[in-house]
Amino acid sequence: MAHSYEARIRWQRAPAEAFTDLKYSRAHTWIFDGGVEVPASSAPSSVPLPYSKAENVDPEEAFVAAISSCHMLVFLYLAAKQGLIVDSYSDNASAVMQRNAKGKLAVTEVVLNPALVISGTQHPTDEDIRDLHHRAHEECYIANSVTARITVTGSWRHAG
């Protein structure tokens, strides 16, 4: 079964910007189905201020967020199917960009660092949680779509 996804990107040159001198704003907008608009920009590490907007989401951050979000959604699904009650899940995910084997800049590593709180009568072991994370990684279609090495660390505790 094939699924398709779309995003619209909108950018407009300011009239005072010459453009060919490379001194133009990289700020733009991502528009998703349902009307959600996200202010985006290049990362200041790629394009210096003031031509990028540090407070906007950059593609590298969105890449990390997509991997983290997909992993979380699969993890929660698998945990619920096993009867675990997950009260909260937060992740401080990070990524490293460097030259890959072809000499091109690429995100080569992503580290997911989820923190979970589980409640209810089931008391999973550390191994049970590691297994759930492993299975979530194997089933995450975003992780299956990228070449970056993805590592899952993190912690969890039982609320009861």
N, C-alpha and C. Protein backbone atom coordinates (compact mmCIF):
# COMPACT_ATOMS: atom_id res chain seq x y z
N MET A 1 0.85 -1.17 0.00
CA MET A 1 0.00 0.00 0.00
C MET A 1 0.90 1.24 0.00
N ALA A 2 0.76 2.07 -0.99
CA ALA A 2 1.57 3.29 -1.10
C ALA A 2 0.84 4.47 -0.47
N HIS A 3 1.60 5.31 0.18
CA HIS A 3 1.07 6.54 0.75
C HIS A 3 1.86 7.68 0.14
N SER A 4 1.25 8.84 0.02
CA SER A 4 1.99 10.00 -0.46
C SER A 4 1.83 11.14 0.53
N TYR A 5 2.82 11.99 0.57
CA TYR A 5 2.84 13.10 1.52
C TYR A 5 3.28 14.35 0.79
N GLU A 6 2.80 15.48 1.22
CA GLU A 6 3.13 16.73 0.57
C GLU A 6 3.44 17.80 1.59
N ALA A 7 4.26 18.70 1.20
CA ALA A 7 4.53 19.91 1.97
C ALA A 7 4.72 21.04 0.96
N ARG A 8 4.22 22.20 1.29
CA ARG A 8 4.45 23.37 0.43
C ARG A 8 5.50 24.25 1.09
N ILE A 9 6.37 24.79 0.28
CA ILE A 9 7.41 25.69 0.76
C ILE A 9 7.19 27.04 0.09
N ARG A 10 7.24 28.11 0.89
CA ARG A 10 7.01 29.45 0.34
C ARG A 10 8.15 30.37 0.76
N TRP A 11 8.79 31.01 -0.20
CA TRP A 11 9.85 31.99 0.02
C TRP A 11 9.62 33.15 -0.92
N GLN A 12 9.94 34.34 -0.48
CA GLN A 12 9.79 35.53 -1.32
C GLN A 12 10.98 36.44 -1.09
N ARG A 13 11.62 36.86 -2.16
CA ARG A 13 12.73 37.81 -2.05
C ARG A 13 12.18 39.17 -1.66
N ALA A 14 12.84 39.81 -0.70
CA ALA A 14 12.47 41.19 -0.34
C ALA A 14 12.92 42.12 -1.46
N PRO A 15 12.11 43.11 -1.81
CA PRO A 15 12.45 44.00 -2.94
C PRO A 15 13.83 44.65 -2.83
N ALA A 16 14.30 44.92 -1.64
CA ALA A 16 15.59 45.60 -1.47
C ALA A 16 16.78 44.65 -1.61
N GLU A 17 16.51 43.35 -1.68
CA GLU A 17 17.60 42.38 -1.76
C GLU A 17 18.02 42.16 -3.23
N ALA A 18 19.31 42.27 -3.48
CA ALA A 18 19.82 42.08 -4.85
C ALA A 18 19.79 40.61 -5.27
N PHE A 19 19.89 39.72 -4.35
CA PHE A 19 19.87 38.27 -4.54
C PHE A 19 21.19 37.73 -5.07
N THR A 20 21.69 38.23 -6.18
CA THR A 20 22.90 37.67 -6.78
C THR A 20 24.15 37.94 -5.95
N ASP A 21 24.05 38.85 -4.96
CA ASP A 21 25.18 39.09 -4.06
C ASP A 21 25.17 38.11 -2.88
N LEU A 22 24.20 37.21 -2.86
CA LEU A 22 24.01 36.18 -1.83
C LEU A 22 23.59 36.77 -0.48
N LYS A 23 23.23 38.04 -0.44
CA LYS A 23 22.80 38.69 0.80
C LYS A 23 21.27 38.79 0.80
N TYR A 24 20.63 37.65 0.85
CA TYR A 24 19.18 37.59 0.87
C TYR A 24 18.74 36.71 2.03
N SER A 25 17.54 36.94 2.50
CA SER A 25 17.01 36.17 3.62
C SER A 25 16.70 34.74 3.21
N ARG A 26 17.09 33.82 4.05
CA ARG A 26 16.75 32.40 3.83
C ARG A 26 15.48 32.02 4.57
N ALA A 27 14.85 32.97 5.25
CA ALA A 27 13.60 32.69 5.96
C ALA A 27 12.51 32.33 4.96
N HIS A 28 11.77 31.30 5.28
CA HIS A 28 10.68 30.85 4.43
C HIS A 28 9.64 30.16 5.29
N THR A 29 8.60 29.63 4.69
CA THR A 29 7.52 28.99 5.44
C THR A 29 7.25 27.61 4.88
N TRP A 30 7.05 26.66 5.79
CA TRP A 30 6.59 25.33 5.42
C TRP A 30 5.10 25.29 5.68
N ILE A 31 4.31 24.84 4.73
CA ILE A 31 2.86 24.74 4.90
C ILE A 31 2.46 23.28 4.74
N PHE A 32 1.80 22.76 5.76
CA PHE A 32 1.41 21.36 5.76
C PHE A 32 -0.10 21.24 5.65
N ASP A 33 -0.57 20.01 5.35
CA ASP A 33 -2.00 19.79 5.25
C ASP A 33 -2.67 20.19 6.55
N GLY A 34 -3.87 20.64 6.44
CA GLY A 34 -4.57 21.15 7.61
C GLY A 34 -4.26 22.60 7.88
N GLY A 35 -3.32 23.19 7.15
CA GLY A 35 -3.04 24.61 7.27
C GLY A 35 -1.95 25.00 8.23
N VAL A 36 -1.27 24.04 8.86
CA VAL A 36 -0.20 24.39 9.79
C VAL A 36 0.95 25.04 9.01
N GLU A 37 1.40 26.19 9.49
CA GLU A 37 2.52 26.88 8.88
C GLU A 37 3.66 26.96 9.88
N VAL A 38 4.86 26.60 9.43
CA VAL A 38 6.03 26.58 10.29
C VAL A 38 7.06 27.54 9.71
N PRO A 39 7.50 28.52 10.51
CA PRO A 39 8.57 29.40 10.03
C PRO A 39 9.89 28.63 9.96
N ALA A 40 10.52 28.67 8.81
CA ALA A 40 11.74 27.90 8.58
C ALA A 40 12.84 28.81 8.06
N SER A 41 14.05 28.31 8.08
CA SER A 41 15.21 29.05 7.60
C SER A 41 16.37 28.08 7.46
N SER A 42 17.42 28.54 6.83
CA SER A 42 18.65 27.76 6.88
C SER A 42 19.20 27.86 8.30
N ALA A 43 20.04 26.93 8.66
CA ALA A 43 20.68 26.97 9.98
C ALA A 43 21.73 28.07 9.99
N PRO A 44 21.85 28.82 11.09
CA PRO A 44 22.90 29.84 11.16
C PRO A 44 24.31 29.26 10.99
N SER A 45 24.49 27.98 11.26
CA SER A 45 25.80 27.37 11.03
C SER A 45 26.08 27.19 9.54
N SER A 46 25.05 27.19 8.73
CA SER A 46 25.21 27.07 7.28
C SER A 46 25.24 28.43 6.59
N VAL A 47 24.33 29.30 7.01
CA VAL A 47 24.23 30.65 6.44
C VAL A 47 24.22 31.62 7.62
N PRO A 48 25.23 32.47 7.72
CA PRO A 48 25.33 33.35 8.89
C PRO A 48 24.16 34.33 9.01
N LEU A 49 23.93 34.74 10.27
CA LEU A 49 22.97 35.81 10.53
C LEU A 49 23.47 37.07 9.84
N PRO A 50 22.70 37.95 9.37
CA PRO A 50 21.24 38.03 9.46
C PRO A 50 20.52 37.36 8.30
N TYR A 51 21.22 36.57 7.48
CA TYR A 51 20.58 35.98 6.31
C TYR A 51 19.84 34.69 6.63
N SER A 52 20.07 34.14 7.80
CA SER A 52 19.24 33.05 8.32
C SER A 52 18.52 33.59 9.55
N LYS A 53 17.54 32.84 10.03
CA LYS A 53 16.77 33.25 11.21
C LYS A 53 16.89 32.13 12.24
N ALA A 54 17.66 32.40 13.28
CA ALA A 54 17.95 31.37 14.28
C ALA A 54 16.70 30.83 14.96
N GLU A 55 15.67 31.66 15.12
CA GLU A 55 14.47 31.22 15.83
C GLU A 55 13.56 30.34 14.96
N ASN A 56 13.81 30.27 13.68
CA ASN A 56 13.01 29.41 12.80
C ASN A 56 13.58 27.99 12.78
N VAL A 57 12.75 27.06 12.40
CA VAL A 57 13.17 25.66 12.28
C VAL A 57 14.03 25.53 11.02
N ASP A 58 15.16 24.86 11.14
CA ASP A 58 15.97 24.62 9.95
C ASP A 58 15.82 23.16 9.53
N PRO A 59 16.15 22.83 8.28
CA PRO A 59 15.96 21.46 7.80
C PRO A 59 16.68 20.41 8.64
N GLU A 60 17.84 20.75 9.17
CA GLU A 60 18.57 19.78 9.99
C GLU A 60 17.81 19.46 11.27
N GLU A 61 17.26 20.49 11.91
CA GLU A 61 16.44 20.27 13.12
C GLU A 61 15.19 19.46 12.78
N ALA A 62 14.57 19.77 11.66
CA ALA A 62 13.36 19.05 11.26
C ALA A 62 13.67 17.58 10.98
N PHE A 63 14.83 17.32 10.41
CA PHE A 63 15.27 15.95 10.14
C PHE A 63 15.37 15.16 11.45
N VAL A 64 16.03 15.74 12.43
CA VAL A 64 16.17 15.09 13.73
C VAL A 64 14.80 14.90 14.38
N ALA A 65 13.96 15.93 14.32
CA ALA A 65 12.62 15.85 14.91
C ALA A 65 11.78 14.76 14.24
N ALA A 66 11.89 14.62 12.92
CA ALA A 66 11.13 13.59 12.21
C ALA A 66 11.54 12.20 12.65
N ILE A 67 12.83 11.98 12.79
CA ILE A 67 13.31 10.66 13.25
C ILE A 67 12.84 10.40 14.67
N SER A 68 12.99 11.39 15.55
CA SER A 68 12.59 11.24 16.94
C SER A 68 11.09 11.00 17.06
N SER A 69 10.32 11.77 16.33
CA SER A 69 8.86 11.65 16.39
C SER A 69 8.39 10.29 15.89
N CYS A 70 8.95 9.82 14.78
CA CYS A 70 8.58 8.52 14.24
C CYS A 70 8.92 7.41 15.25
N HIS A 71 10.12 7.48 15.81
CA HIS A 71 10.53 6.46 16.79
C HIS A 71 9.55 6.45 17.97
N MET A 72 9.23 7.65 18.48
CA MET A 72 8.31 7.74 19.62
C MET A 72 6.95 7.15 19.28
N LEU A 73 6.41 7.50 18.13
CA LEU A 73 5.07 7.02 17.77
C LEU A 73 5.04 5.50 17.66
N VAL A 74 6.08 4.91 17.09
CA VAL A 74 6.13 3.45 16.99
C VAL A 74 6.32 2.84 18.37
N PHE A 75 7.20 3.43 19.19
CA PHE A 75 7.42 2.93 20.55
C PHE A 75 6.11 2.93 21.34
N LEU A 76 5.38 4.04 21.30
CA LEU A 76 4.11 4.13 22.05
C LEU A 76 3.12 3.08 21.57
N TYR A 77 3.04 2.88 20.28
CA TYR A 77 2.14 1.86 19.72
C TYR A 77 2.52 0.47 20.23
N LEU A 78 3.81 0.14 20.16
CA LEU A 78 4.25 -1.18 20.62
C LEU A 78 4.03 -1.36 22.12
N ALA A 79 4.31 -0.32 22.89
CA ALA A 79 4.11 -0.39 24.34
C ALA A 79 2.63 -0.61 24.67
N ALA A 80 1.76 0.13 24.00
CA ALA A 80 0.32 -0.01 24.25
C ALA A 80 -0.16 -1.42 23.89
N LYS A 81 0.36 -1.96 22.78
CA LYS A 81 -0.02 -3.33 22.38
C LYS A 81 0.42 -4.35 23.41
N GLN A 82 1.50 -4.05 24.16
CA GLN A 82 1.97 -4.97 25.20
C GLN A 82 1.27 -4.72 26.53
N GLY A 83 0.39 -3.75 26.59
CA GLY A 83 -0.34 -3.45 27.82
C GLY A 83 0.39 -2.52 28.76
N LEU A 84 1.51 -1.93 28.31
CA LEU A 84 2.21 -0.95 29.16
C LEU A 84 1.49 0.38 29.09
N ILE A 85 1.49 1.08 30.20
CA ILE A 85 0.90 2.42 30.25
C ILE A 85 2.04 3.42 30.31
N VAL A 86 2.22 4.17 29.22
CA VAL A 86 3.25 5.19 29.16
C VAL A 86 2.59 6.52 29.50
N ASP A 87 3.05 7.13 30.58
CA ASP A 87 2.49 8.42 31.01
C ASP A 87 3.14 9.59 30.30
N SER A 88 4.43 9.49 30.03
CA SER A 88 5.11 10.58 29.31
C SER A 88 6.32 10.04 28.58
N TYR A 89 6.67 10.77 27.53
CA TYR A 89 7.80 10.41 26.69
C TYR A 89 8.38 11.73 26.20
N SER A 90 9.61 12.00 26.51
CA SER A 90 10.27 13.19 25.98
C SER A 90 11.63 12.77 25.46
N ASP A 91 12.10 13.49 24.46
CA ASP A 91 13.36 13.10 23.83
C ASP A 91 14.19 14.34 23.56
N ASN A 92 15.43 14.32 24.00
CA ASN A 92 16.40 15.35 23.66
C ASN A 92 17.30 14.75 22.58
N ALA A 93 16.82 14.79 21.35
CA ALA A 93 17.52 14.18 20.23
C ALA A 93 18.57 15.15 19.69
N SER A 94 19.63 14.58 19.13
CA SER A 94 20.69 15.42 18.55
C SER A 94 21.24 14.73 17.30
N ALA A 95 21.98 15.50 16.53
CA ALA A 95 22.56 14.96 15.30
C ALA A 95 23.92 15.58 15.06
N VAL A 96 24.71 14.87 14.27
CA VAL A 96 26.03 15.34 13.88
C VAL A 96 26.04 15.42 12.36
N MET A 97 26.49 16.57 11.85
CA MET A 97 26.68 16.72 10.41
C MET A 97 28.18 16.78 10.15
N GLN A 98 28.62 15.97 9.20
CA GLN A 98 30.03 15.96 8.82
C GLN A 98 30.11 15.40 7.40
N ARG A 99 31.29 15.32 6.89
CA ARG A 99 31.47 14.77 5.54
C ARG A 99 31.29 13.25 5.59
N ASN A 100 30.54 12.74 4.63
CA ASN A 100 30.32 11.30 4.55
C ASN A 100 31.41 10.65 3.70
N ALA A 101 31.28 9.38 3.41
CA ALA A 101 32.29 8.65 2.65
C ALA A 101 32.48 9.20 1.24
N LYS A 102 31.47 9.88 0.72
CA LYS A 102 31.57 10.49 -0.61
C LYS A 102 32.13 11.90 -0.55
N GLY A 103 32.48 12.37 0.66
CA GLY A 103 33.01 13.71 0.82
C GLY A 103 31.96 14.80 0.86
N LYS A 104 30.68 14.42 0.93
CA LYS A 104 29.57 15.37 0.97
C LYS A 104 29.13 15.60 2.40
N LEU A 105 28.70 16.84 2.70
CA LEU A 105 28.13 17.10 4.02
C LEU A 105 26.84 16.32 4.16
N ALA A 106 26.70 15.65 5.28
CA ALA A 106 25.50 14.85 5.54
C ALA A 106 25.31 14.72 7.04
N VAL A 107 24.07 14.51 7.45
CA VAL A 107 23.81 14.13 8.83
C VAL A 107 24.19 12.65 8.89
N THR A 108 25.24 12.36 9.62
CA THR A 108 25.78 11.00 9.66
C THR A 108 25.38 10.23 10.91
N GLU A 109 24.97 10.96 11.92
CA GLU A 109 24.61 10.30 13.18
C GLU A 109 23.49 11.06 13.86
N VAL A 110 22.53 10.29 14.38
CA VAL A 110 21.43 10.85 15.17
C VAL A 110 21.39 10.06 16.47
N VAL A 111 21.29 10.78 17.58
CA VAL A 111 21.18 10.14 18.89
C VAL A 111 19.82 10.52 19.48
N LEU A 112 19.02 9.50 19.75
CA LEU A 112 17.74 9.70 20.44
C LEU A 112 17.99 9.42 21.92
N ASN A 113 17.46 10.28 22.76
CA ASN A 113 17.69 10.16 24.19
C ASN A 113 16.36 10.27 24.93
N PRO A 114 15.45 9.31 24.71
CA PRO A 114 14.13 9.43 25.31
C PRO A 114 14.13 9.17 26.82
N ALA A 115 13.25 9.89 27.49
CA ALA A 115 12.99 9.68 28.92
C ALA A 115 11.51 9.33 29.05
N LEU A 116 11.23 8.19 29.67
CA LEU A 116 9.85 7.71 29.77
C LEU A 116 9.43 7.59 31.22
N VAL A 117 8.14 7.75 31.41
CA VAL A 117 7.53 7.42 32.69
C VAL A 117 6.42 6.42 32.37
N ILE A 118 6.48 5.27 33.04
CA ILE A 118 5.52 4.20 32.84
C ILE A 118 4.79 3.97 34.15
N SER A 119 3.50 3.74 34.08
CA SER A 119 2.73 3.45 35.29
C SER A 119 1.93 2.16 35.05
N GLY A 120 1.08 1.84 35.99
CA GLY A 120 0.27 0.63 35.87
C GLY A 120 0.88 -0.52 36.63
N THR A 121 0.27 -1.68 36.45
CA THR A 121 0.67 -2.86 37.22
C THR A 121 1.86 -3.61 36.62
N GLN A 122 2.12 -3.40 35.34
CA GLN A 122 3.27 -4.07 34.72
C GLN A 122 4.55 -3.35 35.10
N HIS A 123 5.59 -4.12 35.36
CA HIS A 123 6.89 -3.56 35.72
C HIS A 123 7.93 -4.12 34.74
N PRO A 124 8.10 -3.46 33.59
CA PRO A 124 9.06 -3.98 32.62
C PRO A 124 10.49 -3.87 33.15
N THR A 125 11.34 -4.70 32.61
CA THR A 125 12.76 -4.64 32.96
C THR A 125 13.47 -3.68 32.00
N ASP A 126 14.71 -3.36 32.32
CA ASP A 126 15.51 -2.54 31.41
C ASP A 126 15.60 -3.22 30.04
N GLU A 127 15.76 -4.54 30.05
CA GLU A 127 15.83 -5.30 28.80
C GLU A 127 14.53 -5.18 28.01
N ASP A 128 13.39 -5.21 28.69
CA ASP A 128 12.10 -5.05 28.00
C ASP A 128 12.03 -3.70 27.29
N ILE A 129 12.49 -2.66 27.96
CA ILE A 129 12.45 -1.31 27.37
C ILE A 129 13.43 -1.23 26.21
N ARG A 130 14.63 -1.78 26.37
CA ARG A 130 15.61 -1.80 25.27
C ARG A 130 15.03 -2.54 24.06
N ASP A 131 14.35 -3.65 24.31
CA ASP A 131 13.74 -4.42 23.22
C ASP A 131 12.66 -3.60 22.51
N LEU A 132 11.86 -2.90 23.28
CA LEU A 132 10.83 -2.04 22.67
C LEU A 132 11.47 -0.96 21.80
N HIS A 133 12.54 -0.34 22.30
CA HIS A 133 13.23 0.68 21.50
C HIS A 133 13.84 0.06 20.24
N HIS A 134 14.41 -1.13 20.37
CA HIS A 134 14.98 -1.80 19.20
C HIS A 134 13.89 -2.07 18.16
N ARG A 135 12.77 -2.61 18.60
CA ARG A 135 11.66 -2.89 17.69
C ARG A 135 11.11 -1.61 17.09
N ALA A 136 11.02 -0.53 17.89
CA ALA A 136 10.54 0.75 17.37
C ALA A 136 11.47 1.26 16.29
N HIS A 137 12.78 1.12 16.51
CA HIS A 137 13.75 1.55 15.51
C HIS A 137 13.59 0.74 14.23
N GLU A 138 13.42 -0.56 14.36
CA GLU A 138 13.27 -1.43 13.19
C GLU A 138 12.01 -1.11 12.40
N GLU A 139 10.96 -0.64 13.06
CA GLU A 139 9.68 -0.38 12.40
C GLU A 139 9.50 1.08 11.98
N CYS A 140 10.36 1.96 12.42
CA CYS A 140 10.22 3.40 12.10
C CYS A 140 10.56 3.62 10.63
N TYR A 141 9.58 4.03 9.85
CA TYR A 141 9.79 4.19 8.41
C TYR A 141 10.70 5.36 8.07
N ILE A 142 10.80 6.35 8.95
CA ILE A 142 11.75 7.44 8.71
C ILE A 142 13.17 6.89 8.90
N ALA A 143 13.40 6.17 9.99
CA ALA A 143 14.72 5.57 10.21
C ALA A 143 15.09 4.63 9.07
N ASN A 144 14.11 3.92 8.54
CA ASN A 144 14.37 3.01 7.43
C ASN A 144 14.65 3.74 6.12
N SER A 145 14.45 5.05 6.11
CA SER A 145 14.62 5.85 4.89
C SER A 145 15.93 6.63 4.84
N VAL A 146 16.71 6.57 5.90
CA VAL A 146 17.92 7.39 5.96
C VAL A 146 19.16 6.52 6.13
N THR A 147 20.31 7.11 5.80
CA THR A 147 21.57 6.39 5.96
C THR A 147 22.30 6.75 7.24
N ALA A 148 21.85 7.79 7.94
CA ALA A 148 22.50 8.19 9.19
C ALA A 148 22.42 7.05 10.21
N ARG A 149 23.48 6.89 10.98
CA ARG A 149 23.46 5.91 12.08
C ARG A 149 22.58 6.49 13.18
N ILE A 150 21.65 5.71 13.68
CA ILE A 150 20.73 6.16 14.73
C ILE A 150 20.98 5.31 15.96
N THR A 151 21.26 6.00 17.07
CA THR A 151 21.50 5.35 18.35
C THR A 151 20.42 5.78 19.32
N VAL A 152 19.90 4.84 20.09
CA VAL A 152 18.90 5.15 21.10
C VAL A 152 19.51 4.91 22.47
N THR A 153 19.57 5.96 23.27
CA THR A 153 20.02 5.84 24.65
C THR A 153 18.78 6.11 25.52
N GLY A 154 18.91 6.81 26.58
CA GLY A 154 17.73 7.24 27.32
C GLY A 154 17.55 6.56 28.65
N SER A 155 16.42 6.88 29.24
CA SER A 155 16.12 6.37 30.58
C SER A 155 14.61 6.20 30.71
N TRP A 156 14.23 5.49 31.75
CA TRP A 156 12.82 5.34 32.06
C TRP A 156 12.67 5.07 33.54
N ARG A 157 11.47 5.29 34.01
CA ARG A 157 11.17 4.97 35.41
C ARG A 157 9.70 4.58 35.50
N HIS A 158 9.41 3.82 36.54
CA HIS A 158 8.03 3.42 36.80
C HIS A 158 7.46 4.40 37.80
N ALA A 159 6.29 4.93 37.51
CA ALA A 159 5.67 5.95 38.36
C ALA A 159 5.09 5.37 39.64
N GLY A 160 4.93 4.08 39.71
CA GLY A 160 4.25 3.48 40.86
C GLY A 160 5.14 3.02 41.88
